[in-house]
Amino acid sequence: MPDESRSDAITFADLFAGIGGFAAALSAMGAKHAYAVEIDKHAAAVYQANWQHPALGDVTKDANDNAVTVPAHDVITGGFPCQPFSKSGAQRGMDEVRGTLFWNIEKIVRERKPTLICLENVRNLAGPRHRHEWQVIIEHLRNAGYQVAEQSAVFSPHLIAPQFGGSPQVRERVFITATLVPEGMVMDPDPEPVALPEHALMHREWNLIEDLPMDKSATIPGTEISPDERTWIDHWEQMVAFMRAWRANQARLTGEPPRRLPGHPVWTDAWVNSKAAREHLLDGAPAWKADFLRKNFDLYDGIREFLGAKDLDKWLREVREFPESRRKLEWQAQDAQSMWDCVISLRPSGLRVKRPTHLPALVAITQTPIIGPIGRKLSAREAARLQGLPDNFTFGDQRDALTYKQMGNGVNVGVVNQVLKAHCERDKDLLLATERGRAIYEMVSGAAENPKSAIAAHLERLDSPTVSSAAAAN
């Protein structure tokens, strides 16, 4: 176990700290806080309760053109705001105010010269639409004296084996890791991106319920399926049965194996019979949408012929009473026999149905998935497990909605742990050339492959107080 009482312990600055995903990984390794900042008061309250370090604040007030008041530190981390780069946002990049927060990071880096940098963002930051912003970030870090790969390094917890901190969540994030080049040494102008070792990767299919693990109880408060949600799912379950029977009938007629259920989005608003109505829907539609519309016309015709107009129209009359987003289905569950055997996400694009292997990325906007085999939604504690946090991590008495939001905004701890290990191995020669770099390398390389037990032990030693009702109030 690392000696956290040593005065020469590695220190870290935790920017845009959230509830402390980076803090969890680094504290478990034995690093100590030098600084933490989080602008959201609810997340900051959870952070302070668990790590016993204040976090509420605004980095733009601590690092700006006038001064940098962030204290010296060895490692700087931060999942800087992703909205300017996210596919769900306007994607204005550095033209948007929040997109300029990298400049505050750079001011700290140039002033304090931490040995190691580890930043995280949505994968889209490294995508073609933000090629300029990506290049600016890389070039500025290099100009500040850091070795950093130009090629992006993208990681997801579902690709990492559970014994190495992985979890059943598809959460692709890009990591920017950099090492300060010691005086007298020359940086590699084109280093390889950080990559995880083969033995740490997941080589089997996840079992969400067993691997997370999920609580088997269907009666956890706050996870109930509402009557409306159950109505929507049960009604679509009828259509899944209709489509499966239709496919089986086609197979009998052709003598071929039954085809899978349609993989394209099913849009019942496009299930119209008249030529004029179809032409109206196609008028002005972009190519991708026109393709999906035509597939829906064909699907409607096939089911109508098999089922009969009367029965299909009865089903359609009911579904058209649903909200617009509940009149759509995205079947991504391959050969699953029932929606209730699957994970169901109620999204703006419709009911998305997947096999219960792993979950899509948790998001800050509450879209809590329904776990069909258990008959309830994912609990807040299970969401924390997906992000690699142990069960003694406290959220106090705050509303579950805040916890889900914080998990959606958070960084996966197991991924951070493995990224730091892989980075230190890649830049081992640079790190071993200085005293602080050597200490960082020894700390990270000697840390547990799966940090969850070490995090739990660290929290137990801190004897974290409960988040106060006032601090975490709605």
Protein backbone atom coordinates (compact mmCIF):
# COMPACT_ATOMS: atom_id res chain seq x y z
CA MET A 1 0.00 0.00 0.00
CA PRO A 2 1.41 3.45 -0.90
CA ASP A 3 2.62 5.59 1.95
CA GLU A 4 0.31 8.61 1.70
CA SER A 5 1.91 10.35 4.68
CA ARG A 6 5.19 10.99 2.86
CA SER A 7 5.85 14.68 2.29
CA ASP A 8 7.39 13.90 -1.10
CA ALA A 9 4.29 12.06 -2.38
CA ILE A 10 3.26 12.73 -5.96
CA THR A 11 0.70 15.55 -6.15
CA PHE A 12 -2.01 16.22 -8.70
CA ALA A 13 -4.21 19.08 -9.85
CA ASP A 14 -7.71 17.90 -10.72
CA LEU A 15 -9.43 20.28 -13.15
CA PHE A 16 -13.11 20.04 -14.10
CA ALA A 17 -13.07 17.47 -11.35
CA GLY A 18 -16.70 16.33 -11.31
CA ILE A 19 -17.08 13.86 -8.46
CA GLY A 20 -13.49 12.66 -8.78
CA GLY A 21 -12.88 9.94 -11.37
CA PHE A 22 -9.27 11.03 -11.85
CA ALA A 23 -8.92 11.55 -8.10
CA ALA A 24 -10.08 7.99 -7.51
CA ALA A 25 -7.42 6.48 -9.76
CA LEU A 26 -4.57 8.70 -8.53
CA SER A 27 -5.49 8.53 -4.84
CA ALA A 28 -5.56 4.73 -5.03
CA MET A 29 -2.01 4.90 -6.41
CA GLY A 30 -0.87 7.03 -3.47
CA ALA A 31 -0.90 10.51 -5.02
CA LYS A 32 -2.11 13.48 -2.98
CA HIS A 33 -4.22 16.48 -3.87
CA ALA A 34 -2.56 19.77 -4.64
CA TYR A 35 -5.67 21.36 -6.12
CA ALA A 36 -9.17 20.49 -7.33
CA VAL A 37 -11.78 22.61 -9.02
CA GLU A 38 -15.39 21.92 -10.06
CA ILE A 39 -17.95 24.58 -10.90
CA ASP A 40 -21.07 22.47 -10.23
CA LYS A 41 -21.97 22.75 -6.54
CA HIS A 42 -23.62 19.32 -6.33
CA ALA A 43 -20.68 17.48 -7.88
CA ALA A 44 -18.26 19.51 -5.73
CA ALA A 45 -20.18 18.49 -2.59
CA VAL A 46 -19.86 14.80 -3.50
CA TYR A 47 -16.17 15.34 -4.32
CA GLN A 48 -15.41 16.92 -0.95
CA ALA A 49 -17.39 14.30 0.95
CA ASN A 50 -15.41 11.45 -0.57
CA TRP A 51 -11.92 12.92 -1.01
CA GLN A 52 -11.99 15.39 1.87
CA HIS A 53 -10.62 18.10 -0.39
CA PRO A 54 -12.51 21.26 -1.42
CA ALA A 55 -13.35 21.45 -5.11
CA LEU A 56 -16.03 24.10 -5.60
CA GLY A 57 -14.64 26.89 -7.74
CA ASP A 58 -13.96 28.26 -11.21
CA VAL A 59 -10.69 27.47 -12.98
CA THR A 60 -10.97 30.65 -15.04
CA LYS A 61 -10.54 32.65 -11.83
CA ASP A 62 -7.50 30.61 -10.78
CA ALA A 63 -5.73 30.62 -14.16
CA ASN A 64 -6.10 33.62 -16.42
CA ASP A 65 -4.16 36.44 -18.02
CA ASN A 66 -3.62 38.12 -14.66
CA ALA A 67 -2.28 35.25 -12.58
CA VAL A 68 -2.09 31.49 -12.03
CA THR A 69 -2.89 30.69 -8.40
CA VAL A 70 -3.04 26.91 -8.90
CA PRO A 71 -0.25 25.49 -6.70
CA ALA A 72 2.66 23.42 -7.99
CA HIS A 73 1.89 19.77 -8.79
CA ASP A 74 3.37 16.74 -10.54
CA VAL A 75 0.34 15.54 -12.52
CA ILE A 76 -2.47 17.56 -14.05
CA THR A 77 -5.73 15.92 -15.06
CA GLY A 78 -9.03 17.08 -16.47
CA GLY A 79 -12.04 16.02 -18.45
CA PHE A 80 -12.48 19.50 -19.87
CA PRO A 81 -16.01 20.40 -21.02
CA CYS A 82 -16.99 18.37 -24.04
CA GLN A 83 -20.11 20.19 -25.26
CA PRO A 84 -18.20 22.21 -27.88
CA PHE A 85 -17.02 18.95 -29.48
CA SER A 86 -19.88 16.53 -28.76
CA LYS A 87 -22.07 15.21 -31.59
CA SER A 88 -25.08 16.18 -29.46
CA GLY A 89 -23.97 19.82 -29.23
CA ALA A 90 -23.55 22.61 -31.75
CA GLN A 91 -19.95 21.47 -32.42
CA ARG A 92 -18.63 25.03 -32.57
CA GLY A 93 -15.35 23.94 -31.03
CA MET A 94 -13.07 26.72 -29.90
CA ASP A 95 -15.41 29.32 -31.37
CA GLU A 96 -17.65 28.62 -28.38
CA VAL A 97 -16.69 30.12 -24.99
CA ARG A 98 -16.50 26.73 -23.27
CA GLY A 99 -14.19 25.53 -26.01
CA THR A 100 -11.57 28.01 -24.88
CA LEU A 101 -11.09 26.37 -21.47
CA PHE A 102 -8.11 24.56 -22.92
CA TRP A 103 -6.34 27.90 -22.77
CA ASN A 104 -6.77 27.95 -18.98
CA ILE A 105 -5.25 24.49 -18.85
CA GLU A 106 -2.34 25.69 -20.97
CA LYS A 107 -1.70 28.68 -18.69
CA ILE A 108 -1.41 26.32 -15.72
CA VAL A 109 0.82 23.92 -17.65
CA ARG A 110 3.21 26.65 -18.78
CA GLU A 111 3.38 28.20 -15.31
CA ARG A 112 3.67 25.04 -13.17
CA LYS A 113 5.33 22.58 -15.61
CA PRO A 114 3.78 19.38 -14.24
CA THR A 115 5.66 16.25 -15.27
CA LEU A 116 2.59 14.45 -16.65
CA ILE A 117 -0.62 15.59 -18.31
CA CYS A 118 -3.75 13.45 -18.70
CA LEU A 119 -6.78 15.05 -20.36
CA GLU A 120 -10.01 13.40 -21.47
CA ASN A 121 -12.79 14.34 -23.87
CA VAL A 122 -15.45 12.93 -26.15
CA ARG A 123 -14.17 10.97 -29.12
CA ASN A 124 -15.56 13.59 -31.48
CA LEU A 125 -12.80 16.01 -30.44
CA ALA A 126 -10.40 13.89 -32.52
CA GLY A 127 -12.88 13.58 -35.39
CA PRO A 128 -12.68 15.27 -38.79
CA ARG A 129 -14.95 18.16 -37.86
CA HIS A 130 -12.56 19.28 -35.13
CA ARG A 131 -9.26 18.54 -36.86
CA HIS A 132 -8.16 22.16 -36.43
CA GLU A 133 -8.93 22.24 -32.69
CA TRP A 134 -7.15 18.92 -32.20
CA GLN A 135 -4.05 20.16 -34.01
CA VAL A 136 -4.05 23.38 -31.98
CA ILE A 137 -4.12 21.44 -28.70
CA ILE A 138 -1.31 19.09 -29.76
CA GLU A 139 0.89 21.88 -31.13
CA HIS A 140 0.46 24.04 -28.05
CA LEU A 141 1.39 21.19 -25.73
CA ARG A 142 4.48 20.48 -27.81
CA ASN A 143 5.42 24.14 -27.79
CA ALA A 144 5.13 24.07 -24.02
CA GLY A 145 7.78 21.32 -23.92
CA TYR A 146 5.69 18.14 -23.81
CA GLN A 147 5.95 14.91 -25.75
CA VAL A 148 2.47 14.04 -27.02
CA ALA A 149 1.14 11.87 -29.82
CA GLU A 150 -0.64 13.53 -32.70
CA GLN A 151 -2.65 10.39 -33.41
CA SER A 152 -5.60 10.07 -31.08
CA ALA A 153 -5.88 7.37 -28.40
CA VAL A 154 -9.47 6.25 -27.83
CA PHE A 155 -10.47 3.94 -24.99
CA SER A 156 -13.69 2.41 -23.68
CA PRO A 157 -14.29 0.41 -20.48
CA HIS A 158 -16.05 -2.38 -22.39
CA LEU A 159 -12.82 -3.16 -24.26
CA ILE A 160 -10.89 -3.76 -21.02
CA ALA A 161 -11.10 -7.05 -19.13
CA PRO A 162 -12.81 -6.79 -15.70
CA GLN A 163 -9.69 -7.88 -13.83
CA PHE A 164 -7.99 -4.83 -15.35
CA GLY A 165 -10.73 -2.42 -14.36
CA GLY A 166 -13.03 -2.76 -17.38
CA SER A 167 -16.80 -2.60 -17.12
CA PRO A 168 -19.76 -3.39 -19.43
CA GLN A 169 -20.25 0.15 -20.77
CA VAL A 170 -19.49 1.36 -24.29
CA ARG A 171 -17.98 4.73 -23.50
CA GLU A 172 -15.44 5.78 -26.12
CA ARG A 173 -13.34 8.72 -24.97
CA VAL A 174 -10.19 10.27 -26.36
CA PHE A 175 -7.25 10.76 -23.97
CA ILE A 176 -4.47 13.30 -24.45
CA THR A 177 -1.45 12.25 -22.40
CA ALA A 178 1.85 14.11 -22.40
CA THR A 179 5.20 14.06 -20.59
CA LEU A 180 7.42 17.06 -19.90
CA VAL A 181 10.67 16.55 -21.80
CA PRO A 182 13.60 16.94 -19.36
CA GLU A 183 16.26 19.50 -20.09
CA GLY A 184 18.92 18.03 -22.37
CA MET A 185 16.61 15.40 -23.85
CA VAL A 186 14.87 15.53 -27.23
CA MET A 187 11.19 14.73 -27.63
CA ASP A 188 10.06 12.11 -30.09
CA PRO A 189 8.47 14.19 -32.89
CA ASP A 190 5.96 11.46 -33.70
CA PRO A 191 5.40 9.15 -30.73
CA GLU A 192 2.99 6.24 -31.00
CA PRO A 193 -0.38 6.83 -29.35
CA VAL A 194 -0.85 5.19 -25.98
CA ALA A 195 -2.16 1.64 -26.38
CA LEU A 196 -3.23 -0.96 -23.85
CA PRO A 197 -1.39 -4.28 -23.66
CA GLU A 198 -3.11 -7.25 -25.28
CA HIS A 199 -3.48 -9.11 -21.99
CA ALA A 200 -5.58 -6.26 -20.55
CA LEU A 201 -8.17 -6.39 -23.31
CA MET A 202 -11.56 -8.09 -23.11
CA HIS A 203 -11.64 -11.31 -25.13
CA ARG A 204 -15.12 -12.58 -24.31
CA GLU A 205 -18.67 -11.27 -24.40
CA TRP A 206 -19.83 -9.31 -21.38
CA ASN A 207 -22.72 -10.48 -19.22
CA LEU A 208 -24.14 -7.23 -17.90
CA ILE A 209 -26.04 -8.68 -14.97
CA GLU A 210 -23.24 -10.91 -13.69
CA ASP A 211 -20.18 -8.85 -14.62
CA LEU A 212 -21.29 -5.46 -13.30
CA PRO A 213 -22.71 -7.00 -11.08
CA MET A 214 -26.35 -5.93 -10.94
CA ASP A 215 -28.58 -6.37 -7.92
CA LYS A 216 -31.12 -9.06 -8.75
CA SER A 217 -33.97 -7.32 -6.92
CA ALA A 218 -36.69 -5.76 -9.08
CA THR A 219 -37.86 -3.43 -6.27
CA ILE A 220 -35.01 -0.94 -5.75
CA PRO A 221 -36.56 2.48 -4.99
CA GLY A 222 -36.19 4.93 -7.84
CA THR A 223 -35.76 2.26 -10.53
CA GLU A 224 -39.42 1.50 -11.19
CA ILE A 225 -40.75 1.29 -14.74
CA SER A 226 -43.64 3.74 -15.09
CA PRO A 227 -47.07 2.57 -16.34
CA ASP A 228 -46.59 4.55 -19.56
CA GLU A 229 -43.16 3.02 -20.17
CA ARG A 230 -44.55 -0.47 -19.62
CA THR A 231 -47.41 0.26 -22.03
CA TRP A 232 -45.00 1.44 -24.74
CA ILE A 233 -42.76 -1.61 -24.35
CA ASP A 234 -45.64 -4.12 -24.22
CA HIS A 235 -47.22 -2.60 -27.33
CA TRP A 236 -43.96 -2.77 -29.27
CA GLU A 237 -43.50 -6.31 -27.95
CA GLN A 238 -46.62 -7.21 -29.96
CA MET A 239 -45.02 -5.82 -33.13
CA VAL A 240 -41.78 -7.72 -32.45
CA ALA A 241 -43.89 -10.90 -32.29
CA PHE A 242 -45.69 -9.93 -35.53
CA MET A 243 -42.40 -9.29 -37.32
CA ARG A 244 -40.91 -12.53 -36.07
CA ALA A 245 -43.96 -14.49 -37.29
CA TRP A 246 -43.78 -12.67 -40.64
CA ARG A 247 -40.10 -13.59 -41.04
CA ALA A 248 -40.88 -17.22 -40.14
CA ASN A 249 -43.65 -17.28 -42.76
CA GLN A 250 -41.28 -15.88 -45.38
CA ALA A 251 -38.80 -18.64 -44.54
CA ARG A 252 -41.48 -21.33 -44.99
CA LEU A 253 -42.43 -19.93 -48.37
CA THR A 254 -38.88 -19.62 -49.68
CA GLY A 255 -37.26 -22.57 -47.93
CA GLU A 256 -34.48 -20.26 -46.69
CA PRO A 257 -33.45 -19.67 -43.05
CA PRO A 258 -35.53 -16.98 -41.28
CA ARG A 259 -34.17 -13.47 -41.71
CA ARG A 260 -33.45 -11.32 -38.68
CA LEU A 261 -35.76 -8.53 -37.66
CA PRO A 262 -35.15 -5.25 -39.52
CA GLY A 263 -31.98 -3.50 -38.43
CA HIS A 264 -33.00 -0.12 -39.78
CA PRO A 265 -35.02 2.33 -37.64
CA VAL A 266 -38.71 1.47 -37.62
CA TRP A 267 -40.76 4.65 -38.01
CA THR A 268 -44.50 4.04 -37.69
CA ASP A 269 -45.24 7.62 -38.79
CA ALA A 270 -43.99 6.45 -42.21
CA TRP A 271 -46.34 3.46 -42.22
CA VAL A 272 -48.81 4.97 -44.67
CA ASN A 273 -50.60 3.33 -47.54
CA SER A 274 -51.27 6.02 -50.12
CA LYS A 275 -48.81 6.94 -52.81
CA ALA A 276 -49.43 10.65 -52.22
CA ALA A 277 -48.60 10.36 -48.50
CA ARG A 278 -45.39 8.52 -49.28
CA GLU A 279 -44.33 11.06 -51.88
CA HIS A 280 -45.03 13.83 -49.38
CA LEU A 281 -42.71 12.20 -46.82
CA LEU A 282 -39.97 11.73 -49.43
CA ASP A 283 -40.22 15.28 -50.75
CA GLY A 284 -37.02 17.12 -49.82
CA ALA A 285 -35.75 14.32 -47.57
CA PRO A 286 -31.96 13.86 -47.53
CA ALA A 287 -30.66 10.65 -49.09
CA TRP A 288 -30.13 8.82 -45.80
CA LYS A 289 -33.64 9.61 -44.59
CA ALA A 290 -35.22 8.73 -47.95
CA ASP A 291 -33.49 5.34 -47.77
CA PHE A 292 -34.96 4.65 -44.31
CA LEU A 293 -38.39 5.85 -45.43
CA ARG A 294 -38.43 3.45 -48.39
CA LYS A 295 -37.37 0.60 -46.13
CA ASN A 296 -40.27 1.46 -43.82
CA PHE A 297 -42.69 1.51 -46.73
CA ASP A 298 -41.52 -1.98 -47.70
CA LEU A 299 -41.71 -3.18 -44.09
CA TYR A 300 -45.25 -1.85 -43.72
CA ASP A 301 -46.37 -3.49 -46.96
CA GLY A 302 -44.89 -6.84 -45.96
CA ILE A 303 -46.41 -6.90 -42.47
CA ARG A 304 -49.76 -5.61 -43.75
CA GLU A 305 -49.95 -8.38 -46.32
CA PHE A 306 -49.06 -11.03 -43.75
CA LEU A 307 -51.07 -9.73 -40.79
CA GLY A 308 -54.02 -8.17 -42.58
CA ALA A 309 -55.00 -4.53 -42.75
CA LYS A 310 -57.53 -4.75 -39.91
CA ASP A 311 -55.13 -6.10 -37.26
CA LEU A 312 -52.25 -3.87 -38.31
CA ASP A 313 -54.44 -0.76 -38.37
CA LYS A 314 -55.68 -1.59 -34.85
CA TRP A 315 -52.08 -1.78 -33.63
CA LEU A 316 -51.20 1.45 -35.43
CA ARG A 317 -54.15 3.36 -33.94
CA GLU A 318 -52.81 2.61 -30.48
CA VAL A 319 -49.14 3.40 -31.20
CA ARG A 320 -50.07 6.74 -32.75
CA GLU A 321 -51.40 7.84 -29.37
CA PHE A 322 -47.85 7.60 -28.02
CA PRO A 323 -45.40 10.53 -27.89
CA GLU A 324 -43.52 10.97 -31.18
CA SER A 325 -40.28 9.43 -29.91
CA ARG A 326 -42.17 6.36 -28.65
CA ARG A 327 -43.57 5.64 -32.10
CA LYS A 328 -40.12 4.52 -33.25
CA LEU A 329 -38.11 1.33 -32.67
CA GLU A 330 -34.41 0.61 -33.09
CA TRP A 331 -33.98 -3.17 -32.90
CA GLN A 332 -30.31 -3.96 -32.28
CA ALA A 333 -30.84 -7.20 -30.37
CA GLN A 334 -30.14 -9.65 -33.21
CA ASP A 335 -32.01 -12.91 -32.50
CA ALA A 336 -33.35 -12.06 -29.03
CA GLN A 337 -36.88 -13.40 -28.69
CA SER A 338 -38.42 -10.69 -26.52
CA MET A 339 -37.86 -7.05 -25.67
CA TRP A 340 -38.07 -8.04 -22.01
CA ASP A 341 -34.98 -10.21 -22.53
CA CYS A 342 -33.04 -7.09 -23.53
CA VAL A 343 -31.82 -3.67 -22.42
CA ILE A 344 -34.24 -0.96 -23.54
CA SER A 345 -33.18 2.68 -23.80
CA LEU A 346 -35.93 5.26 -24.22
CA ARG A 347 -34.21 7.74 -26.49
CA PRO A 348 -35.35 10.73 -28.58
CA SER A 349 -34.75 8.48 -31.61
CA GLY A 350 -37.08 5.80 -30.26
CA LEU A 351 -36.98 2.63 -28.16
CA ARG A 352 -33.50 1.20 -28.70
CA VAL A 353 -33.33 -2.51 -27.87
CA LYS A 354 -30.02 -4.34 -27.32
CA ARG A 355 -28.96 -7.69 -25.92
CA PRO A 356 -28.04 -7.56 -22.18
CA THR A 357 -24.30 -7.75 -22.71
CA HIS A 358 -23.21 -4.18 -22.08
CA LEU A 359 -24.79 -0.74 -21.86
CA PRO A 360 -24.42 2.34 -24.02
CA ALA A 361 -22.52 5.26 -22.54
CA LEU A 362 -24.15 6.90 -19.55
CA VAL A 363 -25.08 10.46 -20.48
CA ALA A 364 -25.73 13.56 -18.44
CA ILE A 365 -29.24 13.80 -19.87
CA THR A 366 -31.24 11.20 -17.96
CA GLN A 367 -31.89 8.25 -20.26
CA THR A 368 -31.69 5.54 -17.64
CA PRO A 369 -31.82 2.18 -19.45
CA ILE A 370 -34.40 -0.44 -18.55
CA ILE A 371 -32.96 -3.86 -17.76
CA GLY A 372 -35.64 -6.16 -19.16
CA PRO A 373 -34.61 -9.46 -17.48
CA ILE A 374 -34.77 -7.81 -14.05
CA GLY A 375 -37.80 -5.65 -14.76
CA ARG A 376 -36.46 -2.28 -13.63
CA LYS A 377 -34.12 0.54 -14.55
CA LEU A 378 -30.42 0.76 -13.82
CA SER A 379 -29.90 2.01 -10.26
CA ALA A 380 -27.70 4.95 -9.31
CA ARG A 381 -25.33 2.60 -7.48
CA GLU A 382 -25.06 0.37 -10.55
CA ALA A 383 -24.29 3.44 -12.65
CA ALA A 384 -21.44 4.20 -10.25
CA ARG A 385 -20.16 0.63 -10.65
CA LEU A 386 -20.18 1.13 -14.42
CA GLN A 387 -17.83 4.07 -13.87
CA GLY A 388 -15.51 1.97 -11.71
CA LEU A 389 -16.44 3.37 -8.29
CA PRO A 390 -16.67 1.06 -5.26
CA ASP A 391 -19.85 0.69 -3.26
CA ASN A 392 -18.52 2.74 -0.33
CA PHE A 393 -18.31 5.82 -2.54
CA THR A 394 -21.01 8.09 -1.12
CA PHE A 395 -23.53 10.31 -2.83
CA GLY A 396 -25.13 11.28 0.44
CA ASP A 397 -28.81 12.09 0.29
CA GLN A 398 -28.83 13.82 -3.07
CA ARG A 399 -31.49 12.97 -5.64
CA ASP A 400 -30.71 10.01 -7.90
CA ALA A 401 -31.20 12.31 -10.90
CA LEU A 402 -28.11 14.25 -9.81
CA THR A 403 -26.12 11.05 -9.39
CA TYR A 404 -27.08 9.84 -12.88
CA LYS A 405 -26.07 13.23 -14.29
CA GLN A 406 -22.71 13.10 -12.49
CA MET A 407 -22.08 9.59 -13.77
CA GLY A 408 -22.91 10.72 -17.29
CA ASN A 409 -20.41 13.56 -16.99
CA GLY A 410 -17.75 11.46 -15.28
CA VAL A 411 -14.65 9.63 -16.37
CA ASN A 412 -14.32 5.86 -16.03
CA VAL A 413 -11.81 5.10 -13.28
CA GLY A 414 -10.63 1.78 -14.68
CA VAL A 415 -9.85 3.40 -18.02
CA VAL A 416 -7.90 6.22 -16.35
CA ASN A 417 -5.89 3.65 -14.41
CA GLN A 418 -4.94 1.72 -17.55
CA VAL A 419 -4.25 4.85 -19.61
CA LEU A 420 -1.84 6.15 -16.97
CA LYS A 421 -0.05 2.81 -16.85
CA ALA A 422 0.25 2.60 -20.64
CA HIS A 423 1.44 6.20 -20.89
CA CYS A 424 4.15 5.73 -18.28
CA GLU A 425 5.42 2.67 -20.13
CA ARG A 426 5.51 4.55 -23.42
CA ASP A 427 7.42 7.51 -21.94
CA LYS A 428 9.48 5.50 -19.48
CA ASP A 429 12.79 6.93 -20.71
CA LEU A 430 11.65 10.51 -20.18
CA LEU A 431 10.18 9.79 -16.76
CA LEU A 432 13.22 7.93 -15.44
CA ALA A 433 15.48 10.86 -16.36
CA THR A 434 14.22 13.02 -13.46
CA GLU A 435 13.57 12.43 -9.78
CA ARG A 436 9.88 13.37 -9.93
CA GLY A 437 9.37 11.49 -13.17
CA ARG A 438 10.92 8.40 -11.66
CA ALA A 439 8.63 8.68 -8.63
CA ILE A 440 5.60 8.95 -10.92
CA TYR A 441 6.71 5.93 -12.95
CA GLU A 442 7.25 3.81 -9.85
CA MET A 443 3.91 4.86 -8.36
CA VAL A 444 1.90 4.18 -11.51
CA SER A 445 3.63 0.99 -12.63
CA GLY A 446 3.35 -0.46 -9.13
CA ALA A 447 -0.35 0.29 -8.78
CA ALA A 448 -3.02 -2.40 -8.90
CA GLU A 449 -4.33 -3.35 -12.34
CA ASN A 450 -7.90 -3.00 -11.09
CA PRO A 451 -8.06 -0.01 -8.74
CA LYS A 452 -11.52 -0.59 -7.24
CA SER A 453 -10.35 -2.38 -4.08
CA ALA A 454 -7.60 0.18 -3.52
CA ILE A 455 -10.11 3.02 -3.95
CA ALA A 456 -12.48 1.38 -1.46
CA ALA A 457 -9.63 1.00 1.05
CA HIS A 458 -8.58 4.63 0.53
CA LEU A 459 -12.12 5.87 1.12
CA GLU A 460 -12.38 3.73 4.23
CA ARG A 461 -9.18 5.24 5.61
CA LEU A 462 -10.50 8.72 4.93
CA ASP A 463 -13.73 7.77 6.74
CA SER A 464 -15.68 9.94 4.34
CA PRO A 465 -18.53 11.95 5.89
CA THR A 466 -21.92 11.92 4.26
CA VAL A 467 -22.71 14.72 1.86
CA SER A 468 -24.75 17.22 3.83
CA SER A 469 -28.37 17.76 2.90
CA ALA A 470 -27.73 21.46 2.43
CA ALA A 471 -24.73 21.01 0.11
CA ALA A 472 -26.50 18.46 -2.07
CA ALA A 473 -29.96 20.05 -2.00
CA ASN A 474 -31.98 20.11 -5.16
